[in-house]
C-alpha atoms as a PDB file:
ATOM      1  CA  UNK A   1      80.216  88.740  83.551  1.00  0.00           C
ATOM      2  CA  UNK A   2      82.728  87.190  81.343  1.00  0.00           C
ATOM      3  CA  UNK A   3      82.833  86.984  77.531  1.00  0.00           C
ATOM      4  CA  UNK A   4      81.442  84.224  75.668  1.00  0.00           C
ATOM      5  CA  UNK A   5      81.026  83.369  72.049  1.00  0.00           C
ATOM      6  CA  UNK A   6      77.033  82.744  70.787  1.00  0.00           C
ATOM      7  CA  UNK A   7      77.011  82.214  67.261  1.00  0.00           C
ATOM      8  CA  UNK A   8      73.215  82.782  66.754  1.00  0.00           C
ATOM      9  CA  UNK A   9      71.265  85.021  64.162  1.00  0.00           C
ATOM     10  CA  UNK A  10      71.711  88.996  65.376  1.00  0.00           C
ATOM     11  CA  UNK A  11      67.940  88.626  66.992  1.00  0.00           C
ATOM     12  CA  UNK A  12      68.128  85.304  68.973  1.00  0.00           C
ATOM     13  CA  UNK A  13      72.077  86.418  70.286  1.00  0.00           C
ATOM     14  CA  UNK A  14      70.223  89.699  71.721  1.00  0.00           C
ATOM     15  CA  UNK A  15      67.352  87.885  73.326  1.00  0.00           C
ATOM     16  CA  UNK A  16      70.273  85.222  74.990  1.00  0.00           C
ATOM     17  CA  UNK A  17      72.674  87.883  75.580  1.00  0.00           C
ATOM     18  CA  UNK A  18      70.345  89.708  77.789  1.00  0.00           C
ATOM     19  CA  UNK A  19      69.082  86.680  79.733  1.00  0.00           C
ATOM     20  CA  UNK A  20      72.558  86.379  79.879  1.00  0.00           C
ATOM     21  CA  UNK A  21      73.019  89.384  81.445  1.00  0.00           C
ATOM     22  CA  UNK A  22      70.078  89.161  84.049  1.00  0.00           C
ATOM     23  CA  UNK A  23      71.228  85.743  85.079  1.00  0.00           C
ATOM     24  CA  UNK A  24      74.910  87.141  85.778  1.00  0.00           C
ATOM     25  CA  UNK A  25      73.863  90.592  87.464  1.00  0.00           C
ATOM     26  CA  UNK A  26      72.336  88.705  90.133  1.00  0.00           C
ATOM     27  CA  UNK A  27      75.105  86.536  90.486  1.00  0.00           C
ATOM     28  CA  UNK A  28      78.056  89.099  90.257  1.00  0.00           C
ATOM     29  CA  UNK A  29      76.921  92.056  92.391  1.00  0.00           C
ATOM     30  CA  UNK A  30      77.105  94.592  89.367  1.00  0.00           C
ATOM     31  CA  UNK A  31      73.743  96.456  88.138  1.00  0.00           C
ATOM     32  CA  UNK A  32      72.221  95.487  84.460  1.00  0.00           C
ATOM     33  CA  UNK A  33      72.713  99.461  84.056  1.00  0.00           C
ATOM     34  CA  UNK A  34      76.633  98.722  84.735  1.00  0.00           C
ATOM     35  CA  UNK A  35      76.667  95.716  81.949  1.00  0.00           C
ATOM     36  CA  UNK A  36      74.573  98.020  79.601  1.00  0.00           C
ATOM     37  CA  UNK A  37      77.528 101.014  79.975  1.00  0.00           C
ATOM     38  CA  UNK A  38      80.011  98.467  78.332  1.00  0.00           C
ATOM     39  CA  UNK A  39      82.214  98.418  81.766  1.00  0.00           C
ATOM     40  CA  UNK A  40      81.706  94.605  81.603  1.00  0.00           C
ATOM     41  CA  UNK A  41      81.632  93.773  78.157  1.00  0.00           C
ATOM     42  CA  UNK A  42      80.228  90.157  76.677  1.00  0.00           C
ATOM     43  CA  UNK A  43      80.678  89.103  73.016  1.00  0.00           C
ATOM     44  CA  UNK A  44      84.142  88.182  71.785  1.00  0.00           C
ATOM     45  CA  UNK A  45      85.347  84.379  72.756  1.00  0.00           C
ATOM     46  CA  UNK A  46      84.680  81.190  73.549  1.00  0.00           C
ATOM     47  CA  UNK A  47      83.829  78.905  76.302  1.00  0.00           C
ATOM     48  CA  UNK A  48      87.134  77.917  77.136  1.00  0.00           C
ATOM     49  CA  UNK A  49      88.367  81.608  77.467  1.00  0.00           C
ATOM     50  CA  UNK A  50      90.565  81.905  80.668  1.00  0.00           C
ATOM     51  CA  UNK A  51      88.356  83.884  83.220  1.00  0.00           C
ATOM     52  CA  UNK A  52      90.226  86.377  85.553  1.00  0.00           C
ATOM     53  CA  UNK A  53      87.639  87.906  88.281  1.00  0.00           C
ATOM     54  CA  UNK A  54      88.697  91.327  89.731  1.00  0.00           C
ATOM     55  CA  UNK A  55      87.177  92.139  93.337  1.00  0.00           C
ATOM     56  CA  UNK A  56      86.607  95.985  94.093  1.00  0.00           C
ATOM     57  CA  UNK A  57      85.027  97.819  97.105  1.00  0.00           C
ATOM     58  CA  UNK A  58      81.179  99.313  97.058  1.00  0.00           C
ATOM     59  CA  UNK A  59      82.395 102.165  94.312  1.00  0.00           C
ATOM     60  CA  UNK A  60      83.310  99.831  91.654  1.00  0.00           C
ATOM     61  CA  UNK A  61      85.820 100.015  88.781  1.00  0.00           C
ATOM     62  CA  UNK A  62      85.277 103.843  89.204  1.00  0.00           C
ATOM     63  CA  UNK A  63      86.485 104.299  92.310  1.00  0.00           C
ATOM     64  CA  UNK A  64      90.299 105.398  91.916  1.00  0.00           C
ATOM     65  CA  UNK A  65      92.319 102.414  94.071  1.00  0.00           C
ATOM     66  CA  UNK A  66      90.551  99.715  91.865  1.00  0.00           C
ATOM     67  CA  UNK A  67      90.514 101.882  88.806  1.00  0.00           C
ATOM     68  CA  UNK A  68      93.943 101.339  87.518  1.00  0.00           C
ATOM     69  CA  UNK A  69      93.554  97.379  87.756  1.00  0.00           C
ATOM     70  CA  UNK A  70      90.718  97.622  85.590  1.00  0.00           C
ATOM     71  CA  UNK A  71      92.313  99.340  83.123  1.00  0.00           C
ATOM     72  CA  UNK A  72      95.439  96.659  83.405  1.00  0.00           C
ATOM     73  CA  UNK A  73      92.515  93.844  82.914  1.00  0.00           C
ATOM     74  CA  UNK A  74      91.142  95.650  79.933  1.00  0.00           C
ATOM     75  CA  UNK A  75      94.863  96.235  78.659  1.00  0.00           C
ATOM     76  CA  UNK A  76      95.482  92.139  78.851  1.00  0.00           C
ATOM     77  CA  UNK A  77      91.742  91.139  77.598  1.00  0.00           C
ATOM     78  CA  UNK A  78      92.234  90.966  74.043  1.00  0.00           C
ATOM     79  CA  UNK A  79      95.816  90.868  73.595  1.00  0.00           C
ATOM     80  CA  UNK A  80      95.696  87.458  76.230  1.00  0.00           C
ATOM     81  CA  UNK A  81      92.356  86.250  74.982  1.00  0.00           C
ATOM     82  CA  UNK A  82      90.959  86.493  78.429  1.00  0.00           C
ATOM     83  CA  UNK A  83      87.537  86.936  79.386  1.00  0.00           C
ATOM     84  CA  UNK A  84      87.115  89.607  82.484  1.00  0.00           C
ATOM     85  CA  UNK A  85      84.856  90.806  85.092  1.00  0.00           C
ATOM     86  CA  UNK A  86      84.518  92.115  89.049  1.00  0.00           C
ATOM     87  CA  UNK A  87      82.270  91.632  92.069  1.00  0.00           C
ATOM     88  CA  UNK A  88      81.779  94.116  94.529  1.00  0.00           C
ATOM     89  CA  UNK A  89      82.454  94.107  98.245  1.00  0.00           C
ATOM     90  CA  UNK A  90      80.538  96.344  99.813  1.00  0.00           C
ATOM     91  CA  UNK A  91      83.133  95.804 103.155  1.00  0.00           C
ATOM     92  CA  UNK A  92      85.621  93.563 103.988  1.00  0.00           C
ATOM     93  CA  UNK A  93      83.267  90.296 105.743  1.00  0.00           C
ATOM     94  CA  UNK A  94      82.321  90.867 102.380  1.00  0.00           C
ATOM     95  CA  UNK A  95      85.558  89.472 100.858  1.00  0.00           C
ATOM     96  CA  UNK A  96      85.074  85.950 101.437  1.00  0.00           C
ATOM     97  CA  UNK A  97      81.357  85.583  99.605  1.00  0.00           C
ATOM     98  CA  UNK A  98      83.113  87.414  96.866  1.00  0.00           C
ATOM     99  CA  UNK A  99      86.187  84.964  96.083  1.00  0.00           C
ATOM    100  CA  UNK A 100      83.650  82.008  96.523  1.00  0.00           C
ATOM    101  CA  UNK A 101      81.219  83.846  93.957  1.00  0.00           C
ATOM    102  CA  UNK A 102      84.660  84.254  91.641  1.00  0.00           C
ATOM    103  CA  UNK A 103      85.694  80.461  92.202  1.00  0.00           C
ATOM    104  CA  UNK A 104      82.055  79.484  91.478  1.00  0.00           C
ATOM    105  CA  UNK A 105      82.312  81.659  88.258  1.00  0.00           C
ATOM    106  CA  UNK A 106      85.058  79.311  86.994  1.00  0.00           C
ATOM    107  CA  UNK A 107      87.642  81.773  87.413  1.00  0.00           C
ATOM    108  CA  UNK A 108      91.221  80.550  86.647  1.00  0.00           C
ATOM    109  CA  UNK A 109      92.984  84.058  88.185  1.00  0.00           C
ATOM    110  CA  UNK A 110      91.539  86.537  90.839  1.00  0.00           C
ATOM    111  CA  UNK A 111      92.750  90.057  91.651  1.00  0.00           C
ATOM    112  CA  UNK A 112      92.856  91.242  95.050  1.00  0.00           C
ATOM    113  CA  UNK A 113      93.625  95.264  95.769  1.00  0.00           C
ATOM    114  CA  UNK A 114      94.397  95.908  99.217  1.00  0.00           C
ATOM    115  CA  UNK A 115      96.035  94.188 102.504  1.00  0.00           C
ATOM    116  CA  UNK A 116      92.448  93.140 103.648  1.00  0.00           C
ATOM    117  CA  UNK A 117      91.545  91.655 100.591  1.00  0.00           C
ATOM    118  CA  UNK A 118      94.535  89.807 100.220  1.00  0.00           C
ATOM    119  CA  UNK A 119      94.568  88.159 103.583  1.00  0.00           C
ATOM    120  CA  UNK A 120      91.283  86.602 102.911  1.00  0.00           C
ATOM    121  CA  UNK A 121      92.388  85.677  99.025  1.00  0.00           C
ATOM    122  CA  UNK A 122      95.365  84.012 101.217  1.00  0.00           C
ATOM    123  CA  UNK A 123      92.564  82.130 103.020  1.00  0.00           C
ATOM    124  CA  UNK A 124      90.121  80.917 100.182  1.00  0.00           C
ATOM    125  CA  UNK A 125      93.706  79.977  97.958  1.00  0.00           C
ATOM    126  CA  UNK A 126      94.312  77.450 100.447  1.00  0.00           C
ATOM    127  CA  UNK A 127      90.763  75.283  99.898  1.00  0.00           C
ATOM    128  CA  UNK A 128      91.039  76.670  95.496  1.00  0.00           C
ATOM    129  CA  UNK A 129      94.801  74.946  94.946  1.00  0.00           C
ATOM    130  CA  UNK A 130      93.921  75.664  90.988  1.00  0.00           C
ATOM    131  CA  UNK A 131      93.407  78.916  90.980  1.00  0.00           C
ATOM    132  CA  UNK A 132      95.838  81.640  91.252  1.00  0.00           C
ATOM    133  CA  UNK A 133      95.415  84.539  93.090  1.00  0.00           C
ATOM    134  CA  UNK A 134      96.939  87.648  92.750  1.00  0.00           C
ATOM    135  CA  UNK A 135      96.715  90.020  96.156  1.00  0.00           C
ATOM    136  CA  UNK A 136      97.934  93.868  94.807  1.00  0.00           C
ATOM    137  CA  UNK A 137      98.595  96.268  97.055  1.00  0.00           C
ATOM    138  CA  UNK A 138      99.446  93.381  99.490  1.00  0.00           C
ATOM    139  CA  UNK A 139     102.065  91.946 101.670  1.00  0.00           C
ATOM    140  CA  UNK A 140     101.262  88.523 102.524  1.00  0.00           C
ATOM    141  CA  UNK A 141     102.369  86.938 106.139  1.00  0.00           C
ATOM    142  CA  UNK A 142     104.281  83.981 105.231  1.00  0.00           C
ATOM    143  CA  UNK A 143     104.155  81.006 104.690  1.00  0.00           C
ATOM    144  CA  UNK A 144     102.265  82.087 101.837  1.00  0.00           C
ATOM    145  CA  UNK A 145     100.657  79.275  99.692  1.00  0.00           C
ATOM    146  CA  UNK A 146     102.028  78.297  96.740  1.00  0.00           C
ATOM    147  CA  UNK A 147      98.898  79.591  94.387  1.00  0.00           C
ATOM    148  CA  UNK A 148      99.249  83.190  95.551  1.00  0.00           C
ATOM    149  CA  UNK A 149     101.623  86.554  94.925  1.00  0.00           C
ATOM    150  CA  UNK A 150     101.132  88.944  97.116  1.00  0.00           C
ATOM    151  CA  UNK A 151     102.582  92.567  95.102  1.00  0.00           C
ATOM    152  CA  UNK A 152     103.465  95.574  97.324  1.00  0.00           C
ATOM    153  CA  UNK A 153     104.446  98.892  96.250  1.00  0.00           C
ATOM    154  CA  UNK A 154     107.788 101.132  97.394  1.00  0.00           C
ATOM    155  CA  UNK A 155     105.135 103.848  97.643  1.00  0.00           C
ATOM    156  CA  UNK A 156     107.381 105.786  99.963  1.00  0.00           C
ATOM    157  CA  UNK A 157     109.875 106.659  96.723  1.00  0.00           C
ATOM    158  CA  UNK A 158     107.321 108.102  95.038  1.00  0.00           C
ATOM    159  CA  UNK A 159     106.080 109.954  97.722  1.00  0.00           C
ATOM    160  CA  UNK A 160     109.698 111.144  98.468  1.00  0.00           C
ATOM    161  CA  UNK A 161     109.701 113.011  94.693  1.00  0.00           C
ATOM    162  CA  UNK A 162     106.530 114.664  95.748  1.00  0.00           C
ATOM    163  CA  UNK A 163     108.449 115.342  99.279  1.00  0.00           C
ATOM    164  CA  UNK A 164     110.676 117.190  96.787  1.00  0.00           C
ATOM    165  CA  UNK A 165     107.971 118.873  94.896  1.00  0.00           C
ATOM    166  CA  UNK A 166     106.077 120.516  97.742  1.00  0.00           C
ATOM    167  CA  UNK A 167     109.673 121.921  99.292  1.00  0.00           C
ATOM    168  CA  UNK A 168     110.262 123.419  96.131  1.00  0.00           C
ATOM    169  CA  UNK A 169     106.695 125.009  95.531  1.00  0.00           C
ATOM    170  CA  UNK A 170     105.765 125.924  99.129  1.00  0.00           C
ATOM    171  CA  UNK A 171     105.927 129.689  99.525  1.00  0.00           C
ATOM    172  CA  UNK A 172     105.151 129.803 103.445  1.00  0.00           C
ATOM    173  CA  UNK A 173     107.371 127.093 104.318  1.00  0.00           C
ATOM    174  CA  UNK A 174     104.519 124.903 105.885  1.00  0.00           C
ATOM    175  CA  UNK A 175     102.986 122.115 104.039  1.00  0.00           C
ATOM    176  CA  UNK A 176     100.149 119.523 104.925  1.00  0.00           C
ATOM    177  CA  UNK A 177      99.690 115.592 104.900  1.00  0.00           C
ATOM    178  CA  UNK A 178      96.409 113.873 105.622  1.00  0.00           C
ATOM    179  CA  UNK A 179      96.009 110.029 105.362  1.00  0.00           C
ATOM    180  CA  UNK A 180      93.175 108.264 105.825  1.00  0.00           C
ATOM    181  CA  UNK A 181      94.440 105.769 108.730  1.00  0.00           C
ATOM    182  CA  UNK A 182      98.181 105.372 110.426  1.00  0.00           C
ATOM    183  CA  UNK A 183      98.805 101.452 109.252  1.00  0.00           C
ATOM    184  CA  UNK A 184     101.848 100.415 107.180  1.00  0.00           C
ATOM    185  CA  UNK A 185     101.317 101.892 104.260  1.00  0.00           C
ATOM    186  CA  UNK A 186     100.257 105.303 105.289  1.00  0.00           C
ATOM    187  CA  UNK A 187     103.377 105.428 107.070  1.00  0.00           C
ATOM    188  CA  UNK A 188     105.272 104.935 103.915  1.00  0.00           C
ATOM    189  CA  UNK A 189     103.558 107.596 102.553  1.00  0.00           C
ATOM    190  CA  UNK A 190     104.448 110.158 105.498  1.00  0.00           C
ATOM    191  CA  UNK A 191     107.829 108.960 106.005  1.00  0.00           C
ATOM    192  CA  UNK A 192     109.136 109.205 102.398  1.00  0.00           C
ATOM    193  CA  UNK A 193     107.173 112.399 102.168  1.00  0.00           C
ATOM    194  CA  UNK A 194     108.625 113.859 104.910  1.00  0.00           C
ATOM    195  CA  UNK A 195     112.289 112.979 103.704  1.00  0.00           C
ATOM    196  CA  UNK A 196     111.884 114.368 100.730  1.00  0.00           C
ATOM    197  CA  UNK A 197     110.319 118.009 101.972  1.00  0.00           C
ATOM    198  CA  UNK A 198     113.389 117.928 104.105  1.00  0.00           C
ATOM    199  CA  UNK A 199     115.989 117.010 101.671  1.00  0.00           C
ATOM    200  CA  UNK A 200     113.997 120.347  99.298  1.00  0.00           C
ATOM    201  CA  UNK A 201     113.507 122.305 102.073  1.00  0.00           C
ATOM    202  CA  UNK A 202     115.087 121.684 105.473  1.00  0.00           C
ATOM    203  CA  UNK A 203     113.060 124.964 107.672  1.00  0.00           C
ATOM    204  CA  UNK A 204     109.940 123.682 106.267  1.00  0.00           C
ATOM    205  CA  UNK A 205     107.186 122.449 108.973  1.00  0.00           C
ATOM    206  CA  UNK A 206     105.137 119.360 108.071  1.00  0.00           C
ATOM    207  CA  UNK A 207     101.593 119.068 109.628  1.00  0.00           C
ATOM    208  CA  UNK A 208     100.458 115.585 109.742  1.00  0.00           C
ATOM    209  CA  UNK A 209      96.834 114.972 109.744  1.00  0.00           C
ATOM    210  CA  UNK A 210      94.630 111.481 110.345  1.00  0.00           C
ATOM    211  CA  UNK A 211      91.552 111.452 108.611  1.00  0.00           C
ATOM    212  CA  UNK A 212      90.150 108.083 110.336  1.00  0.00           C
ATOM    213  CA  UNK A 213      88.235 107.597 106.947  1.00  0.00           C
ATOM    214  CA  UNK A 214      88.630 106.880 103.313  1.00  0.00           C
ATOM    215  CA  UNK A 215      85.055 107.491 102.214  1.00  0.00           C
ATOM    216  CA  UNK A 216      84.362 110.671 104.919  1.00  0.00           C
ATOM    217  CA  UNK A 217      85.134 113.507 102.301  1.00  0.00           C
ATOM    218  CA  UNK A 218      83.381 116.505 104.636  1.00  0.00           C
ATOM    219  CA  UNK A 219      86.149 115.632 107.384  1.00  0.00           C
ATOM    220  CA  UNK A 220      89.560 115.714 104.837  1.00  0.00           C
ATOM    221  CA  UNK A 221      87.635 118.835 103.585  1.00  0.00           C
ATOM    222  CA  UNK A 222      87.640 120.426 106.734  1.00  0.00           C
ATOM    223  CA  UNK A 223      91.157 119.291 108.046  1.00  0.00           C
ATOM    224  CA  UNK A 224      92.544 121.060 105.058  1.00  0.00           C
ATOM    225  CA  UNK A 225      91.046 123.983 105.822  1.00  0.00           C
ATOM    226  CA  UNK A 226      92.597 123.792 109.391  1.00  0.00           C
ATOM    227  CA  UNK A 227      95.668 123.300 107.833  1.00  0.00           C
ATOM    228  CA  UNK A 228      95.702 126.354 105.299  1.00  0.00           C
ATOM    229  CA  UNK A 229      94.494 128.535 108.441  1.00  0.00           C
ATOM    230  CA  UNK A 230      97.210 127.430 109.885  1.00  0.00           C
ATOM    231  CA  UNK A 231      99.535 128.665 106.767  1.00  0.00           C
ATOM    232  CA  UNK A 232     100.116 125.298 104.536  1.00  0.00           C
ATOM    233  CA  UNK A 233     100.314 126.408 100.926  1.00  0.00           C
ATOM    234  CA  UNK A 234     101.201 122.867 100.061  1.00  0.00           C
ATOM    235  CA  UNK A 235      98.824 119.792 101.048  1.00  0.00           C
ATOM    236  CA  UNK A 236      99.187 115.861 100.008  1.00  0.00           C
ATOM    237  CA  UNK A 237      96.600 113.481 100.753  1.00  0.00           C
ATOM    238  CA  UNK A 238      96.615 109.742 101.128  1.00  0.00           C
ATOM    239  CA  UNK A 239      93.110 109.219 102.335  1.00  0.00           C
ATOM    240  CA  UNK A 240      91.209 107.515  98.824  1.00  0.00           C
ATOM    241  CA  UNK A 241      88.095 108.775  97.817  1.00  0.00           C
ATOM    242  CA  UNK A 242      87.659 111.003 100.836  1.00  0.00           C
ATOM    243  CA  UNK A 243      90.675 112.988  99.352  1.00  0.00           C
ATOM    244  CA  UNK A 244      88.556 114.898  96.993  1.00  0.00           C
ATOM    245  CA  UNK A 245      87.356 116.895  99.866  1.00  0.00           C
ATOM    246  CA  UNK A 246      91.002 118.201 100.004  1.00  0.00           C
ATOM    247  CA  UNK A 247      91.023 118.766  96.502  1.00  0.00           C
ATOM    248  CA  UNK A 248      87.804 120.623  97.112  1.00  0.00           C
ATOM    249  CA  UNK A 249      89.326 123.035  99.915  1.00  0.00           C
ATOM    250  CA  UNK A 250      92.350 123.270  97.959  1.00  0.00           C
ATOM    251  CA  UNK A 251      90.784 124.998  94.644  1.00  0.00           C
ATOM    252  CA  UNK A 252      88.835 126.872  96.959  1.00  0.00           C
ATOM    253  CA  UNK A 253      91.279 128.809  98.875  1.00  0.00           C
ATOM    254  CA  UNK A 254      94.000 128.988  95.892  1.00  0.00           C
ATOM    255  CA  UNK A 255      96.777 126.827  97.458  1.00  0.00           C
ATOM    256  CA  UNK A 256      98.460 123.573  95.910  1.00  0.00           C
ATOM    257  CA  UNK A 257      97.266 119.939  96.285  1.00  0.00           C
ATOM    258  CA  UNK A 258      99.258 116.594  95.601  1.00  0.00           C
ATOM    259  CA  UNK A 259      96.749 113.436  94.976  1.00  0.00           C
ATOM    260  CA  UNK A 260      97.472 109.945  94.850  1.00  0.00           C
ATOM    261  CA  UNK A 261      96.161 107.232  92.569  1.00  0.00           C
ATOM    262  CA  UNK A 262      93.826 110.589  91.680  1.00  0.00           C
ATOM    263  CA  UNK A 263      92.677 110.931  87.787  1.00  0.00           C
ATOM    264  CA  UNK A 264      93.521 114.857  87.171  1.00  0.00           C
ATOM    265  CA  UNK A 265      91.424 115.216  84.444  1.00  0.00           C
ATOM    266  CA  UNK A 266      88.725 115.402  86.782  1.00  0.00           C
ATOM    267  CA  UNK A 267      90.510 117.331  89.799  1.00  0.00           C
ATOM    268  CA  UNK A 268      90.979 121.321  88.462  1.00  0.00           C
ATOM    269  CA  UNK A 269      94.688 120.476  87.490  1.00  0.00           C
ATOM    270  CA  UNK A 270      95.904 123.673  87.692  1.00  0.00           C
ATOM    271  CA  UNK A 271      95.765 123.278  91.570  1.00  0.00           C
ATOM    272  CA  UNK A 272      97.001 119.444  91.567  1.00  0.00           C
ATOM    273  CA  UNK A 273     100.443 119.794  91.083  1.00  0.00           C
ATOM    274  CA  UNK A 274     101.316 115.678  90.791  1.00  0.00           C
ATOM    275  CA  UNK A 275      99.728 112.648  92.287  1.00  0.00           C
ATOM    276  CA  UNK A 276     101.711 109.766  93.495  1.00  0.00           C
ATOM    277  CA  UNK A 277     100.458 106.965  91.214  1.00  0.00           C
ATOM    278  CA  UNK A 278     100.621 103.004  92.195  1.00  0.00           C
ATOM    279  CA  UNK A 279     100.717 101.853  88.364  1.00  0.00           C
ATOM    280  CA  UNK A 280      98.713  99.079  89.130  1.00  0.00           C
ATOM    281  CA  UNK A 281      97.576  98.571  84.991  1.00  0.00           C
ATOM    282  CA  UNK A 282     100.986  97.987  84.119  1.00  0.00           C
ATOM    283  CA  UNK A 283     101.826  95.683  86.660  1.00  0.00           C
ATOM    284  CA  UNK A 284      98.654  93.253  86.298  1.00  0.00           C
ATOM    285  CA  UNK A 285      99.304  93.747  82.799  1.00  0.00           C
ATOM    286  CA  UNK A 286     102.910  92.117  82.849  1.00  0.00           C
ATOM    287  CA  UNK A 287     101.788  89.267  85.506  1.00  0.00           C
ATOM    288  CA  UNK A 288      98.648  88.482  83.228  1.00  0.00           C
ATOM    289  CA  UNK A 289     101.191  87.750  80.831  1.00  0.00           C
ATOM    290  CA  UNK A 290     103.459  86.072  82.690  1.00  0.00           C
ATOM    291  CA  UNK A 291     100.629  83.822  83.858  1.00  0.00           C
ATOM    292  CA  UNK A 292      99.383  83.221  79.946  1.00  0.00           C
ATOM    293  CA  UNK A 293     103.016  82.199  79.485  1.00  0.00           C
ATOM    294  CA  UNK A 294     103.269  79.826  82.574  1.00  0.00           C
ATOM    295  CA  UNK A 295     106.024  82.177  83.488  1.00  0.00           C
ATOM    296  CA  UNK A 296     104.259  83.564  86.460  1.00  0.00           C
ATOM    297  CA  UNK A 297     106.411  82.495  90.407  1.00  0.00           C
ATOM    298  CA  UNK A 298     104.083  82.406  93.060  1.00  0.00           C
ATOM    299  CA  UNK A 299     104.111  81.170  96.894  1.00  0.00           C
ATOM    300  CA  UNK A 300     105.888  85.070  97.639  1.00  0.00           C
ATOM    301  CA  UNK A 301     105.882  88.528  97.902  1.00  0.00           C
ATOM    302  CA  UNK A 302     106.725  90.719  95.118  1.00  0.00           C
ATOM    303  CA  UNK A 303     107.985  94.674  95.425  1.00  0.00           C
ATOM    304  CA  UNK A 304     107.755  97.076  92.598  1.00  0.00           C
ATOM    305  CA  UNK A 305     109.566 100.524  93.166  1.00  0.00           C
ATOM    306  CA  UNK A 306     110.622 103.327  90.982  1.00  0.00           C
ATOM    307  CA  UNK A 307     113.205 101.253  89.522  1.00  0.00           C
ATOM    308  CA  UNK A 308     110.185  98.743  88.181  1.00  0.00           C
ATOM    309  CA  UNK A 309     108.225 101.350  86.870  1.00  0.00           C
ATOM    310  CA  UNK A 310     105.461 100.262  89.460  1.00  0.00           C
ATOM    311  CA  UNK A 311     105.321 103.723  91.256  1.00  0.00           C
ATOM    312  CA  UNK A 312     105.910 107.352  90.030  1.00  0.00           C
ATOM    313  CA  UNK A 313     104.457 110.416  89.934  1.00  0.00           C
ATOM    314  CA  UNK A 314     101.383 111.783  87.343  1.00  0.00           C
ATOM    315  CA  UNK A 315     102.359 112.034  83.972  1.00  0.00           C
ATOM    316  CA  UNK A 316     100.534 115.465  83.959  1.00  0.00           C
ATOM    317  CA  UNK A 317     103.673 116.860  86.390  1.00  0.00           C
ATOM    318  CA  UNK A 318     105.970 118.204  84.040  1.00  0.00           C
ATOM    319  CA  UNK A 319     103.455 120.884  83.210  1.00  0.00           C
ATOM    320  CA  UNK A 320     102.751 121.756  86.678  1.00  0.00           C
ATOM    321  CA  UNK A 321     105.905 122.776  87.812  1.00  0.00           C
ATOM    322  CA  UNK A 322     108.827 124.825  86.944  1.00  0.00           C
ATOM    323  CA  UNK A 323     111.457 123.395  84.545  1.00  0.00           C
ATOM    324  CA  UNK A 324     114.089 123.493  86.620  1.00  0.00           C
ATOM    325  CA  UNK A 325     112.194 122.141  89.735  1.00  0.00           C
ATOM    326  CA  UNK A 326     111.072 119.502  87.426  1.00  0.00           C
ATOM    327  CA  UNK A 327     114.452 118.638  86.496  1.00  0.00           C
ATOM    328  CA  UNK A 328     116.126 118.599  90.129  1.00  0.00           C
ATOM    329  CA  UNK A 329     113.101 115.849  91.057  1.00  0.00           C
ATOM    330  CA  UNK A 330     114.388 113.757  88.444  1.00  0.00           C
ATOM    331  CA  UNK A 331     118.042 113.987  89.505  1.00  0.00           C
ATOM    332  CA  UNK A 332     116.698 112.521  92.768  1.00  0.00           C
ATOM    333  CA  UNK A 333     114.326 109.715  91.043  1.00  0.00           C
ATOM    334  CA  UNK A 334     117.717 108.601  89.081  1.00  0.00           C
ATOM    335  CA  UNK A 335     119.588 108.616  92.290  1.00  0.00           C
ATOM    336  CA  UNK A 336     116.801 106.259  93.839  1.00  0.00           C
ATOM    337  CA  UNK A 337     116.363 104.010  91.241  1.00  0.00           C
ATOM    338  CA  UNK A 338     120.231 103.911  90.692  1.00  0.00           C
ATOM    339  CA  UNK A 339     120.259 102.770  94.986  1.00  0.00           C
ATOM    340  CA  UNK A 340     122.363 106.006  95.819  1.00  0.00           C
ATOM    341  CA  UNK A 341     119.599 106.919  97.481  1.00  0.00           C
ATOM    342  CA  UNK A 342     117.126 104.796  99.894  1.00  0.00           C
ATOM    343  CA  UNK A 343     114.069 106.306 101.097  1.00  0.00           C
ATOM    344  CA  UNK A 344     112.801 105.734 104.700  1.00  0.00           C
ATOM    345  CA  UNK A 345     109.698 103.931 105.359  1.00  0.00           C
ATOM    346  CA  UNK A 346     109.111 104.249 109.246  1.00  0.00           C
ATOM    347  CA  UNK A 347     110.140 106.762 111.894  1.00  0.00           C
ATOM    348  CA  UNK A 348     113.510 104.717 112.746  1.00  0.00           C
ATOM    349  CA  UNK A 349     114.086 104.532 109.024  1.00  0.00           C
ATOM    350  CA  UNK A 350     113.527 108.829 108.864  1.00  0.00           C
ATOM    351  CA  UNK A 351     115.781 109.564 112.067  1.00  0.00           C
ATOM    352  CA  UNK A 352     118.725 107.232 110.597  1.00  0.00           C
ATOM    353  CA  UNK A 353     118.145 109.131 106.914  1.00  0.00           C
ATOM    354  CA  UNK A 354     118.296 112.650 108.830  1.00  0.00           C
ATOM    355  CA  UNK A 355     121.431 111.978 110.805  1.00  0.00           C
ATOM    356  CA  UNK A 356     122.704 110.358 107.601  1.00  0.00           C
END
C-alpha cells in the first residue's frame, strides 16, 4: 500500500513486489487490479518514510468526494517524501475497523473525509495518541483530542457565487436545488445558494428537493425532470455521486447545471456552467507540509473559505458564462473575501440577510 524500497535485481524485485501487492491487497481492501493501475504506486522510498493513509468510501479514490483528497496526497508524495495509501470503507460502520487497519499499517498520519468518518477518527485518536488524524469536511465537537484536526469549509460562500450565476443565467426565473440530505452541510449549500440567487435575481423562484440519497442517480434524475417540467432552467445539486443523474436530465433537456465537486471534463461542460468546489487537494497539501515541518496545530477545528482558497468555483466557469456575468460574480467574491458581505448558513441567518 505504501512506497517501499527494495535493492534487488529486476527479476527478484518483480517477484517480491508482486508478493507484497498480493499481501497488502488483502490487508487494505484494495483489489490487486487497483494496485496494477498505479493508483497506489510501490517502489521509491525507504522503510523509514512516513506513511499517510486515506479512508475513502466504497467508490475509492475515483469517487468525486474523495478524489481531490487523493490528488492532494499525490502532490505531497514526492515533494515531502511520504508513502501514501488508502482503504475503502463500505459504510459508516466500517470506519472503526479501517482506522485500525491503517494503524496496524503503522501510518503516522490518517486522513478522513466527511462528518461520520471524522467522529470515528476522534474516537480512534484517544486510543492512538501517537497517530495524527486530519478530518476533512468535519467540524468536531469539543473536547477535541490533542492529536486531531477538524477541517471544515465555508461552502456557503462558493454556493453564494453559484447563486449569483444562476440568477444571471436563468431565463424562466425558476431555478432548482437538490441535496442528498437536509443536514447542516446541505443547509450551508442551500442558504448560500438561495442568498446569491436573491441578490442576483430577487424575483426568481427557488425549488428545493431532498433526494435522501448520495448514490441513487435515477432518483435525482427524476427529481430534476420534475423541476424542469415546472420551468426550472438552472439546477444545482449537492448530492454527491447521485448528482450525475441531474447532469443526465439537464443534458437531455438543454438546461443549465451547477455541480459540486465534479470533474466537468466528464460531464458535458457545455451544460455545466460551474461547480462548487472544496479544494481538499490544496488544503491537504498545505496541512501535510505543516505536518512534515512539525508546525501542524492540533486539538482544534479550522475553517477554510474563499479567503483561504479552501472553496471556490470550477476553473472552467469563466468560459461558461458571459464576461459581464463573470465579472459581476468576481465583485461579490471580493466582497466576501474582504468581509464586506457575510453569507448565511441557516434559515435564521438567511432571514437576517434578507432584512439587511
